[in-house]
Amino acid sequence: MEVVFAPKAVVHLQYWKQTGNKSIQKKIQQLITAIQENPFEGIGKPEPLKHELSGSWSRKINGEHRIIYQMYAKTRS
């Protein structure tokens, strides 16, 4: 499964890299891998979001931060 980051996500990933917080960086990488393997189950307590974020899912990075993601069917060209 291909992962495509929104521009805002790239900024957030750069921020975490600049902080030097290796545990957060490792957790983010683990979550991205888990999402690729199974987007709806696994670590980080995946849950579907509601209201204006309906169609998106989230997983916990820690008690304060989350990854929010969406799944799209790949279309053939």
PDB file of N, CA and C in Angstrom:
ATOM      1  N   MET A   1       0.847  -1.179   0.000  1.00  0.00           N
ATOM      2  CA  MET A   1       0.000   0.000   0.000  1.00  0.00           C
ATOM      3  C   MET A   1       0.891   1.240   0.000  1.00  0.00           C
ATOM      4  N   GLU A   2       0.558   2.153  -0.860  1.00  0.00           N
ATOM      5  CA  GLU A   2       1.316   3.393  -0.975  1.00  0.00           C
ATOM      6  C   GLU A   2       0.828   4.392   0.068  1.00  0.00           C
ATOM      7  N   VAL A   3       1.780   5.078   0.702  1.00  0.00           N
ATOM      8  CA  VAL A   3       1.456   6.129   1.657  1.00  0.00           C
ATOM      9  C   VAL A   3       1.766   7.467   1.006  1.00  0.00           C
ATOM     10  N   VAL A   4       0.780   8.356   1.023  1.00  0.00           N
ATOM     11  CA  VAL A   4       0.954   9.706   0.489  1.00  0.00           C
ATOM     12  C   VAL A   4       0.649  10.667   1.632  1.00  0.00           C
ATOM     13  N   PHE A   5       1.581  11.554   1.924  1.00  0.00           N
ATOM     14  CA  PHE A   5       1.413  12.486   3.032  1.00  0.00           C
ATOM     15  C   PHE A   5       0.851  13.813   2.544  1.00  0.00           C
ATOM     16  N   ALA A   6      -0.100  14.334   3.284  1.00  0.00           N
ATOM     17  CA  ALA A   6      -0.613  15.678   3.021  1.00  0.00           C
ATOM     18  C   ALA A   6       0.507  16.675   3.336  1.00  0.00           C
ATOM     19  N   PRO A   7       0.500  17.831   2.692  1.00  0.00           N
ATOM     20  CA  PRO A   7       1.544  18.830   2.962  1.00  0.00           C
ATOM     21  C   PRO A   7       1.681  19.167   4.455  1.00  0.00           C
ATOM     22  N   LYS A   8       0.562  19.274   5.146  1.00  0.00           N
ATOM     23  CA  LYS A   8       0.608  19.580   6.576  1.00  0.00           C
ATOM     24  C   LYS A   8       1.270  18.444   7.361  1.00  0.00           C
ATOM     25  N   ALA A   9       1.057  17.209   6.931  1.00  0.00           N
ATOM     26  CA  ALA A   9       1.681  16.059   7.589  1.00  0.00           C
ATOM     27  C   ALA A   9       3.196  16.099   7.429  1.00  0.00           C
ATOM     28  N   VAL A  10       3.664  16.524   6.263  1.00  0.00           N
ATOM     29  CA  VAL A  10       5.099  16.626   6.026  1.00  0.00           C
ATOM     30  C   VAL A  10       5.713  17.632   6.991  1.00  0.00           C
ATOM     31  N   VAL A  11       5.038  18.740   7.190  1.00  0.00           N
ATOM     32  CA  VAL A  11       5.514  19.762   8.139  1.00  0.00           C
ATOM     33  C   VAL A  11       5.580  19.168   9.547  1.00  0.00           C
ATOM     34  N   HIS A  12       4.570  18.415   9.930  1.00  0.00           N
ATOM     35  CA  HIS A  12       4.547  17.813  11.261  1.00  0.00           C
ATOM     36  C   HIS A  12       5.663  16.776  11.419  1.00  0.00           C
ATOM     37  N   LEU A  13       5.883  15.966  10.380  1.00  0.00           N
ATOM     38  CA  LEU A  13       6.965  14.986  10.439  1.00  0.00           C
ATOM     39  C   LEU A  13       8.321  15.671  10.562  1.00  0.00           C
ATOM     40  N   GLN A  14       8.515  16.761   9.846  1.00  0.00           N
ATOM     41  CA  GLN A  14       9.769  17.510   9.948  1.00  0.00           C
ATOM     42  C   GLN A  14       9.943  18.074  11.359  1.00  0.00           C
ATOM     43  N   TYR A  15       8.852  18.555  11.946  1.00  0.00           N
ATOM     44  CA  TYR A  15       8.908  19.072  13.318  1.00  0.00           C
ATOM     45  C   TYR A  15       9.402  17.990  14.279  1.00  0.00           C
ATOM     46  N   TRP A  16       8.795  16.789  14.183  1.00  0.00           N
ATOM     47  CA  TRP A  16       9.182  15.717  15.101  1.00  0.00           C
ATOM     48  C   TRP A  16      10.634  15.299  14.881  1.00  0.00           C
ATOM     49  N   LYS A  17      11.091  15.351  13.652  1.00  0.00           N
ATOM     50  CA  LYS A  17      12.487  15.030  13.380  1.00  0.00           C
ATOM     51  C   LYS A  17      13.406  16.066  14.018  1.00  0.00           C
ATOM     52  N   GLN A  18      13.033  17.343  13.926  1.00  0.00           N
ATOM     53  CA  GLN A  18      13.846  18.424  14.480  1.00  0.00           C
ATOM     54  C   GLN A  18      13.885  18.409  16.000  1.00  0.00           C
ATOM     55  N   THR A  19      12.829  17.905  16.640  1.00  0.00           N
ATOM     56  CA  THR A  19      12.816  17.879  18.110  1.00  0.00           C
ATOM     57  C   THR A  19      13.833  16.898  18.666  1.00  0.00           C
ATOM     58  N   GLY A  20      14.204  15.901  17.862  1.00  0.00           N
ATOM     59  CA  GLY A  20      15.143  14.893  18.341  1.00  0.00           C
ATOM     60  C   GLY A  20      14.484  13.858  19.244  1.00  0.00           C
ATOM     61  N   ASN A  21      13.159  13.902  19.350  1.00  0.00           N
ATOM     62  CA  ASN A  21      12.433  12.955  20.193  1.00  0.00           C
ATOM     63  C   ASN A  21      12.348  11.609  19.467  1.00  0.00           C
ATOM     64  N   LYS A  22      13.317  10.754  19.745  1.00  0.00           N
ATOM     65  CA  LYS A  22      13.429   9.475  19.039  1.00  0.00           C
ATOM     66  C   LYS A  22      12.254   8.551  19.330  1.00  0.00           C
ATOM     67  N   SER A  23      11.711   8.609  20.538  1.00  0.00           N
ATOM     68  CA  SER A  23      10.596   7.709  20.863  1.00  0.00           C
ATOM     69  C   SER A  23       9.353   8.054  20.047  1.00  0.00           C
ATOM     70  N   ILE A  24       9.073   9.344  19.871  1.00  0.00           N
ATOM     71  CA  ILE A  24       7.926   9.758  19.051  1.00  0.00           C
ATOM     72  C   ILE A  24       8.184   9.386  17.590  1.00  0.00           C
ATOM     73  N   GLN A  25       9.386   9.636  17.111  1.00  0.00           N
ATOM     74  CA  GLN A  25       9.721   9.300  15.727  1.00  0.00           C
ATOM     75  C   GLN A  25       9.547   7.803  15.465  1.00  0.00           C
ATOM     76  N   LYS A  26      10.009   6.983  16.409  1.00  0.00           N
ATOM     77  CA  LYS A  26       9.887   5.534  16.270  1.00  0.00           C
ATOM     78  C   LYS A  26       8.421   5.116  16.276  1.00  0.00           C
ATOM     79  N   LYS A  27       7.635   5.698  17.169  1.00  0.00           N
ATOM     80  CA  LYS A  27       6.213   5.368  17.257  1.00  0.00           C
ATOM     81  C   LYS A  27       5.489   5.742  15.970  1.00  0.00           C
ATOM     82  N   ILE A  28       5.787   6.912  15.414  1.00  0.00           N
ATOM     83  CA  ILE A  28       5.173   7.338  14.155  1.00  0.00           C
ATOM     84  C   ILE A  28       5.492   6.337  13.049  1.00  0.00           C
ATOM     85  N   GLN A  29       6.747   5.910  12.971  1.00  0.00           N
ATOM     86  CA  GLN A  29       7.134   4.941  11.938  1.00  0.00           C
ATOM     87  C   GLN A  29       6.413   3.609  12.148  1.00  0.00           C
ATOM     88  N   GLN A  30       6.289   3.176  13.403  1.00  0.00           N
ATOM     89  CA  GLN A  30       5.568   1.933  13.694  1.00  0.00           C
ATOM     90  C   GLN A  30       4.098   2.043  13.278  1.00  0.00           C
ATOM     91  N   LEU A  31       3.496   3.192  13.548  1.00  0.00           N
ATOM     92  CA  LEU A  31       2.091   3.393  13.183  1.00  0.00           C
ATOM     93  C   LEU A  31       1.908   3.411  11.670  1.00  0.00           C
ATOM     94  N   ILE A  32       2.795   4.054  10.959  1.00  0.00           N
ATOM     95  CA  ILE A  32       2.701   4.096   9.492  1.00  0.00           C
ATOM     96  C   ILE A  32       2.805   2.678   8.929  1.00  0.00           C
ATOM     97  N   THR A  33       3.735   1.900   9.454  1.00  0.00           N
ATOM     98  CA  THR A  33       3.878   0.515   9.008  1.00  0.00           C
ATOM     99  C   THR A  33       2.620  -0.285   9.318  1.00  0.00           C
ATOM    100  N   ALA A  34       2.072  -0.105  10.524  1.00  0.00           N
ATOM    101  CA  ALA A  34       0.856  -0.822  10.922  1.00  0.00           C
ATOM    102  C   ALA A  34      -0.327  -0.433  10.037  1.00  0.00           C
ATOM    103  N   ILE A  35      -0.430   0.836   9.689  1.00  0.00           N
ATOM    104  CA  ILE A  35      -1.511   1.303   8.811  1.00  0.00           C
ATOM    105  C   ILE A  35      -1.382   0.644   7.438  1.00  0.00           C
ATOM    106  N   GLN A  36      -0.163   0.528   6.937  1.00  0.00           N
ATOM    107  CA  GLN A  36       0.053  -0.115   5.645  1.00  0.00           C
ATOM    108  C   GLN A  36      -0.360  -1.588   5.687  1.00  0.00           C
ATOM    109  N   GLU A  37      -0.096  -2.252   6.804  1.00  0.00           N
ATOM    110  CA  GLU A  37      -0.404  -3.677   6.929  1.00  0.00           C
ATOM    111  C   GLU A  37      -1.891  -3.920   7.144  1.00  0.00           C
ATOM    112  N   ASN A  38      -2.516  -3.127   8.001  1.00  0.00           N
ATOM    113  CA  ASN A  38      -3.948  -3.269   8.272  1.00  0.00           C
ATOM    114  C   ASN A  38      -4.469  -1.922   8.764  1.00  0.00           C
ATOM    115  N   PRO A  39      -5.126  -1.157   7.901  1.00  0.00           N
ATOM    116  CA  PRO A  39      -5.531   0.205   8.252  1.00  0.00           C
ATOM    117  C   PRO A  39      -6.599   0.303   9.344  1.00  0.00           C
ATOM    118  N   PHE A  40      -7.284  -0.796   9.648  1.00  0.00           N
ATOM    119  CA  PHE A  40      -8.427  -0.702  10.547  1.00  0.00           C
ATOM    120  C   PHE A  40      -8.245  -1.442  11.879  1.00  0.00           C
ATOM    121  N   GLU A  41      -7.120  -2.105  12.069  1.00  0.00           N
ATOM    122  CA  GLU A  41      -6.840  -2.830  13.308  1.00  0.00           C
ATOM    123  C   GLU A  41      -5.370  -2.689  13.642  1.00  0.00           C
ATOM    124  N   GLY A  42      -5.029  -2.933  14.916  1.00  0.00           N
ATOM    125  CA  GLY A  42      -3.624  -2.956  15.308  1.00  0.00           C
ATOM    126  C   GLY A  42      -3.299  -1.943  16.384  1.00  0.00           C
ATOM    127  N   ILE A  43      -2.028  -1.559  16.425  1.00  0.00           N
ATOM    128  CA  ILE A  43      -1.531  -0.675  17.477  1.00  0.00           C
ATOM    129  C   ILE A  43      -2.091   0.734  17.324  1.00  0.00           C
ATOM    130  N   GLY A  44      -2.072   1.485  18.409  1.00  0.00           N
ATOM    131  CA  GLY A  44      -2.504   2.881  18.387  1.00  0.00           C
ATOM    132  C   GLY A  44      -4.008   3.076  18.501  1.00  0.00           C
ATOM    133  N   LYS A  45      -4.730   2.000  18.784  1.00  0.00           N
ATOM    134  CA  LYS A  45      -6.189   2.059  18.942  1.00  0.00           C
ATOM    135  C   LYS A  45      -6.872   2.761  17.760  1.00  0.00           C
ATOM    136  N   PRO A  46      -6.826   2.154  16.581  1.00  0.00           N
ATOM    137  CA  PRO A  46      -7.472   2.787  15.423  1.00  0.00           C
ATOM    138  C   PRO A  46      -8.965   2.977  15.643  1.00  0.00           C
ATOM    139  N   GLU A  47      -9.445   4.145  15.268  1.00  0.00           N
ATOM    140  CA  GLU A  47     -10.877   4.398  15.387  1.00  0.00           C
ATOM    141  C   GLU A  47     -11.347   5.313  14.265  1.00  0.00           C
ATOM    142  N   PRO A  48     -12.548   5.036  13.748  1.00  0.00           N
ATOM    143  CA  PRO A  48     -13.102   5.913  12.711  1.00  0.00           C
ATOM    144  C   PRO A  48     -13.525   7.241  13.327  1.00  0.00           C
ATOM    145  N   LEU A  49     -13.305   8.308  12.588  1.00  0.00           N
ATOM    146  CA  LEU A  49     -13.677   9.637  13.068  1.00  0.00           C
ATOM    147  C   LEU A  49     -15.074   9.990  12.581  1.00  0.00           C
ATOM    148  N   LYS A  50     -15.652  10.983  13.229  1.00  0.00           N
ATOM    149  CA  LYS A  50     -17.033  11.369  12.937  1.00  0.00           C
ATOM    150  C   LYS A  50     -17.105  12.823  12.478  1.00  0.00           C
ATOM    151  N   HIS A  51     -18.302  13.207  12.126  1.00  0.00           N
ATOM    152  CA  HIS A  51     -18.648  14.591  11.773  1.00  0.00           C
ATOM    153  C   HIS A  51     -17.827  15.080  10.585  1.00  0.00           C
ATOM    154  N   GLU A  52     -17.151  16.218  10.713  1.00  0.00           N
ATOM    155  CA  GLU A  52     -16.446  16.779   9.558  1.00  0.00           C
ATOM    156  C   GLU A  52     -15.246  15.932   9.133  1.00  0.00           C
ATOM    157  N   LEU A  53     -14.803  15.021   9.994  1.00  0.00           N
ATOM    158  CA  LEU A  53     -13.699  14.129   9.639  1.00  0.00           C
ATOM    159  C   LEU A  53     -14.183  12.715   9.308  1.00  0.00           C
ATOM    160  N   SER A  54     -15.461  12.592   9.070  1.00  0.00           N
ATOM    161  CA  SER A  54     -16.030  11.293   8.708  1.00  0.00           C
ATOM    162  C   SER A  54     -15.311  10.744   7.473  1.00  0.00           C
ATOM    163  N   GLY A  55     -14.980   9.461   7.509  1.00  0.00           N
ATOM    164  CA  GLY A  55     -14.206   8.845   6.432  1.00  0.00           C
ATOM    165  C   GLY A  55     -12.732   8.755   6.762  1.00  0.00           C
ATOM    166  N   SER A  56     -12.311   9.462   7.799  1.00  0.00           N
ATOM    167  CA  SER A  56     -10.927   9.413   8.262  1.00  0.00           C
ATOM    168  C   SER A  56     -10.837   8.501   9.476  1.00  0.00           C
ATOM    169  N   TRP A  57      -9.628   8.057   9.751  1.00  0.00           N
ATOM    170  CA  TRP A  57      -9.342   7.235  10.923  1.00  0.00           C
ATOM    171  C   TRP A  57      -8.226   7.901  11.712  1.00  0.00           C
ATOM    172  N   SER A  58      -8.118   7.540  12.991  1.00  0.00           N
ATOM    173  CA  SER A  58      -7.007   8.052  13.798  1.00  0.00           C
ATOM    174  C   SER A  58      -6.379   6.917  14.587  1.00  0.00           C
ATOM    175  N   ARG A  59      -5.128   7.116  14.934  1.00  0.00           N
ATOM    176  CA  ARG A  59      -4.380   6.232  15.833  1.00  0.00           C
ATOM    177  C   ARG A  59      -3.581   7.101  16.777  1.00  0.00           C
ATOM    178  N   LYS A  60      -3.464   6.640  18.001  1.00  0.00           N
ATOM    179  CA  LYS A  60      -2.728   7.400  19.016  1.00  0.00           C
ATOM    180  C   LYS A  60      -1.224   7.243  18.838  1.00  0.00           C
ATOM    181  N   ILE A  61      -0.533   8.381  18.810  1.00  0.00           N
ATOM    182  CA  ILE A  61       0.932   8.381  18.895  1.00  0.00           C
ATOM    183  C   ILE A  61       1.300   8.301  20.366  1.00  0.00           C
ATOM    184  N   ASN A  62       0.636   9.152  21.152  1.00  0.00           N
ATOM    185  CA  ASN A  62       0.767   9.141  22.610  1.00  0.00           C
ATOM    186  C   ASN A  62      -0.527   9.725  23.181  1.00  0.00           C
ATOM    187  N   GLY A  63      -0.533  10.076  24.437  1.00  0.00           N
ATOM    188  CA  GLY A  63      -1.743  10.605  25.054  1.00  0.00           C
ATOM    189  C   GLY A  63      -2.212  11.928  24.480  1.00  0.00           C
ATOM    190  N   GLU A  64      -1.317  12.654  23.837  1.00  0.00           N
ATOM    191  CA  GLU A  64      -1.637  13.992  23.333  1.00  0.00           C
ATOM    192  C   GLU A  64      -1.774  14.067  21.814  1.00  0.00           C
ATOM    193  N   HIS A  65      -1.032  13.243  21.089  1.00  0.00           N
ATOM    194  CA  HIS A  65      -0.940  13.366  19.631  1.00  0.00           C
ATOM    195  C   HIS A  65      -1.480  12.134  18.924  1.00  0.00           C
ATOM    196  N   ARG A  66      -2.026  12.370  17.714  1.00  0.00           N
ATOM    197  CA  ARG A  66      -2.594  11.300  16.905  1.00  0.00           C
ATOM    198  C   ARG A  66      -2.192  11.456  15.442  1.00  0.00           C
ATOM    199  N   ILE A  67      -2.230  10.329  14.756  1.00  0.00           N
ATOM    200  CA  ILE A  67      -2.113  10.327  13.298  1.00  0.00           C
ATOM    201  C   ILE A  67      -3.532  10.221  12.767  1.00  0.00           C
ATOM    202  N   ILE A  68      -3.883  11.069  11.836  1.00  0.00           N
ATOM    203  CA  ILE A  68      -5.188  10.994  11.177  1.00  0.00           C
ATOM    204  C   ILE A  68      -4.915  10.614   9.728  1.00  0.00           C
ATOM    205  N   TYR A  69      -5.650   9.618   9.250  1.00  0.00           N
ATOM    206  CA  TYR A  69      -5.401   9.123   7.897  1.00  0.00           C
ATOM    207  C   TYR A  69      -6.692   8.709   7.207  1.00  0.00           C
ATOM    208  N   GLN A  70      -6.592   8.613   5.883  1.00  0.00           N
ATOM    209  CA  GLN A  70      -7.704   8.161   5.052  1.00  0.00           C
ATOM    210  C   GLN A  70      -7.185   7.096   4.102  1.00  0.00           C
ATOM    211  N   MET A  71      -8.068   6.208   3.721  1.00  0.00           N
ATOM    212  CA  MET A  71      -7.731   5.151   2.782  1.00  0.00           C
ATOM    213  C   MET A  71      -8.461   5.441   1.465  1.00  0.00           C
ATOM    214  N   TYR A  72      -7.754   5.301   0.368  1.00  0.00           N
ATOM    215  CA  TYR A  72      -8.344   5.509  -0.952  1.00  0.00           C
ATOM    216  C   TYR A  72      -8.081   4.273  -1.803  1.00  0.00           C
ATOM    217  N   ALA A  73      -9.066   3.890  -2.579  1.00  0.00           N
ATOM    218  CA  ALA A  73      -8.874   2.803  -3.527  1.00  0.00           C
ATOM    219  C   ALA A  73      -7.967   3.309  -4.639  1.00  0.00           C
ATOM    220  N   LYS A  74      -7.006   2.504  -5.002  1.00  0.00           N
ATOM    221  CA  LYS A  74      -6.096   2.890  -6.074  1.00  0.00           C
ATOM    222  C   LYS A  74      -6.803   2.675  -7.407  1.00  0.00           C
ATOM    223  N   THR A  75      -6.779   3.702  -8.235  1.00  0.00           N
ATOM    224  CA  THR A  75      -7.427   3.603  -9.547  1.00  0.00           C
ATOM    225  C   THR A  75      -6.373   3.324 -10.605  1.00  0.00           C
ATOM    226  N   ARG A  76      -6.761   2.573 -11.596  1.00  0.00           N
ATOM    227  CA  ARG A  76      -5.845   2.280 -12.706  1.00  0.00           C
ATOM    228  C   ARG A  76      -5.923   3.383 -13.744  1.00  0.00           C
ATOM    229  N   SER A  77      -4.774   3.703 -14.318  1.00  0.00           N
ATOM    230  CA  SER A  77      -4.728   4.743 -15.350  1.00  0.00           C
ATOM    231  C   SER A  77      -4.924   4.140 -16.716  1.00  0.00           C
TER     232      SER A  77
END
